[in-house]
């Protein structure tokens, strides 16, 4: 393996530095995890993140109002 390639943390395939993506998870500015991923594993990570973090529509009668000036959304029943 040359100096500019390292294995993907998920699949183990060698990936060149310009193609690799690093995913860092931080909580309160403290790094919890860091993963170096190849493009395919990164795409899979994004899909999984989107699926797991998307809110479920438990109540179709609720209206969600997004407030751009706040970190919270307003939910109207």
Protein backbone atom coordinates (compact mmCIF):
# COMPACT_ATOMS: atom_id res chain seq x y z
CA UNK A 1 0.00 0.00 0.00
CA UNK A 2 1.49 3.40 -0.90
CA UNK A 3 1.70 6.31 1.51
CA UNK A 4 -1.38 8.06 0.08
CA UNK A 5 -3.75 5.10 0.58
CA UNK A 6 -5.16 3.58 3.73
CA UNK A 7 -7.95 1.06 4.34
CA UNK A 8 -11.57 2.06 4.75
CA UNK A 9 -12.64 1.55 8.37
CA UNK A 10 -15.82 -0.29 7.25
CA UNK A 11 -14.92 -2.50 4.28
CA UNK A 12 -11.11 -2.55 4.56
CA UNK A 13 -10.53 -1.69 0.90
CA UNK A 14 -7.60 0.60 0.17
CA UNK A 15 -8.72 4.13 -0.65
CA UNK A 16 -6.62 7.07 -1.84
CA UNK A 17 -6.61 10.12 0.42
CA UNK A 18 -8.32 12.42 -2.13
CA UNK A 19 -11.24 9.97 -2.36
CA UNK A 20 -11.59 9.19 1.34
CA UNK A 21 -14.11 10.85 3.65
CA UNK A 22 -13.77 11.15 7.40
CA UNK A 23 -16.89 11.04 9.55
CA UNK A 24 -16.43 12.52 13.01
CA UNK A 25 -19.05 12.27 15.75
CA UNK A 26 -18.76 14.93 18.43
CA UNK A 27 -20.82 15.68 21.52
CA UNK A 28 -20.31 18.98 23.32
CA UNK A 29 -17.15 19.55 21.27
CA UNK A 30 -15.64 16.22 22.41
CA UNK A 31 -14.88 13.73 19.64
CA UNK A 32 -16.66 10.43 20.30
CA UNK A 33 -15.74 8.58 17.08
CA UNK A 34 -13.90 9.09 13.81
CA UNK A 35 -14.11 6.82 10.77
CA UNK A 36 -12.21 7.00 7.47
CA UNK A 37 -14.50 5.75 4.69
CA UNK A 38 -14.27 4.98 0.99
CA UNK A 39 -16.83 6.73 -1.26
CA UNK A 40 -19.22 3.72 -1.34
CA UNK A 41 -19.17 3.23 2.45
CA UNK A 42 -19.59 6.98 2.94
CA UNK A 43 -22.69 6.94 0.71
CA UNK A 44 -24.04 4.01 2.75
CA UNK A 45 -23.29 5.90 5.99
CA UNK A 46 -25.21 8.96 4.71
CA UNK A 47 -28.20 6.79 3.72
CA UNK A 48 -28.23 5.04 7.12
CA UNK A 49 -27.90 8.35 8.99
CA UNK A 50 -30.76 9.86 7.00
CA UNK A 51 -32.97 6.81 7.61
CA UNK A 52 -32.25 6.60 11.34
CA UNK A 53 -32.41 10.32 12.09
CA UNK A 54 -35.51 11.18 10.03
CA UNK A 55 -38.44 11.77 12.37
CA UNK A 56 -41.26 9.28 12.14
CA UNK A 57 -44.65 10.59 11.11
CA UNK A 58 -46.55 9.07 14.04
CA UNK A 59 -49.41 11.54 13.88
CA UNK A 60 -50.47 12.67 10.41
CA UNK A 61 -52.78 15.26 12.03
CA UNK A 62 -49.80 17.19 13.47
CA UNK A 63 -48.45 20.23 11.72
CA UNK A 64 -44.75 21.02 12.13
CA UNK A 65 -43.72 24.65 11.75
CA UNK A 66 -39.98 25.08 11.22
CA UNK A 67 -38.59 28.11 13.00
CA UNK A 68 -35.43 29.29 11.22
CA UNK A 69 -34.51 31.53 14.18
CA UNK A 70 -34.47 28.65 16.66
CA UNK A 71 -33.00 25.17 17.05
CA UNK A 72 -36.47 23.82 17.87
CA UNK A 73 -39.51 23.21 15.70
CA UNK A 74 -43.06 24.05 16.73
CA UNK A 75 -45.47 21.12 16.64
CA UNK A 76 -49.17 21.96 16.43
CA UNK A 77 -51.72 19.26 17.25
